[in-house]
Protein backbone atom coordinates (compact mmCIF):
# COMPACT_ATOMS: atom_id res chain seq x y z
CA MET A 1 94.29 124.28 69.83
CA SER A 2 92.16 125.52 72.68
CA GLU A 3 93.03 124.67 76.26
CA ILE A 4 89.94 122.43 76.47
CA GLY A 5 90.85 120.65 73.23
CA HIS A 6 94.41 120.15 74.39
CA ASN A 7 93.29 118.73 77.73
CA ALA A 8 90.83 116.37 76.02
CA SER A 9 93.56 115.20 73.67
CA ALA A 10 95.99 114.63 76.54
CA THR A 11 93.26 112.77 78.45
CA ASP A 12 92.48 110.65 75.38
CA ASP A 13 96.20 109.83 74.95
CA ARG A 14 96.52 108.90 78.61
CA LEU A 15 93.44 106.68 78.42
CA ARG A 16 94.73 104.98 75.26
CA LEU A 17 98.11 104.34 76.91
CA LEU A 18 96.46 102.89 80.01
CA VAL A 19 94.18 100.62 77.95
CA GLU A 20 97.13 99.43 75.84
CA ARG A 21 99.13 98.75 79.01
CA ILE A 22 96.27 96.67 80.45
CA GLU A 23 96.01 94.76 77.17
CA ARG A 24 99.75 93.97 77.23
CA LEU A 25 99.52 92.81 80.84
CA GLU A 26 96.49 90.64 80.05
CA GLU A 27 98.47 89.02 77.23
CA GLU A 28 101.41 88.42 79.58
CA LYS A 29 99.00 86.94 82.13
CA ARG A 30 97.67 84.50 79.51
CA GLY A 31 101.23 83.53 78.64
CA ILE A 32 102.11 82.93 82.29
CA ALA A 33 98.91 80.90 82.81
CA ASP A 34 99.91 78.75 79.81
CA ASP A 35 103.40 78.29 81.30
CA ILE A 36 101.93 77.26 84.66
CA ARG A 37 99.60 74.80 82.93
CA ASP A 38 102.64 73.33 81.13
CA VAL A 39 104.50 72.88 84.42
CA TYR A 40 101.50 71.09 85.96
CA ALA A 41 101.43 68.82 82.92
CA GLU A 42 105.10 68.09 83.57
CA VAL A 43 104.28 67.41 87.25
CA LYS A 44 101.78 64.77 86.11
CA ALA A 45 104.12 63.39 83.44
CA VAL A 46 106.83 62.62 85.99
CA GLY A 47 104.34 60.91 88.30
CA TYR A 48 103.41 63.51 90.89
CA ASP A 49 99.82 64.27 91.85
CA ALA A 50 99.06 67.75 90.51
CA ARG A 51 96.22 68.26 93.02
CA ILE A 52 98.60 67.68 95.90
CA VAL A 53 101.23 69.96 94.37
CA ARG A 54 98.56 72.70 94.11
CA LYS A 55 97.76 72.16 97.81
CA VAL A 56 101.45 72.34 98.73
CA ILE A 57 101.80 75.61 96.82
CA ALA A 58 98.74 77.04 98.60
CA LEU A 59 100.20 75.98 101.96
CA ARG A 60 103.57 77.54 101.12
CA LYS A 61 101.83 80.85 100.37
CA MET A 62 100.28 80.94 103.84
CA ASN A 63 101.73 82.65 106.85
CA PRO A 64 103.36 79.90 108.98
CA ASP A 65 101.21 80.74 112.02
CA ASP A 66 98.01 80.67 109.95
CA ARG A 67 99.09 77.38 108.39
CA ALA A 68 99.81 75.81 111.79
CA GLU A 69 96.42 76.98 113.11
CA MET A 70 94.62 75.61 110.05
CA GLU A 71 96.40 72.26 110.32
CA SER A 72 95.58 72.07 114.04
CA VAL A 73 91.89 72.77 113.43
CA LEU A 74 91.87 70.29 110.54
CA GLU A 75 93.29 67.58 112.82
CA LEU A 76 90.70 68.43 115.47
CA TYR A 77 87.87 68.13 112.93
CA LYS A 78 89.25 64.88 111.53
CA CYS A 79 89.43 63.38 115.01
CA ALA A 80 85.89 64.54 115.79
CA LEU A 81 84.72 62.77 112.62
CA GLY A 82 86.65 59.56 113.38
CA MET A 83 89.14 60.19 110.59
CA GLY A 84 92.22 60.65 112.78
């Protein structure tokens, strides 16, 4: 096999492996999304508000300083709108 043919073959193999890896990860992602959906269904089934749980999860992901700043600004806006 010529050097060019060998390189093309190696490149094709590498591309195929990368595409197959992405496909496996996409399948895993779908499985995880299904699992998360099931847990939210369980959240609702036991009486919790899934929207609030989603908010709590978003807040927990935030940096504590950013969260405190956001909550402070939210309170300020609520007061300005007569909601506080």
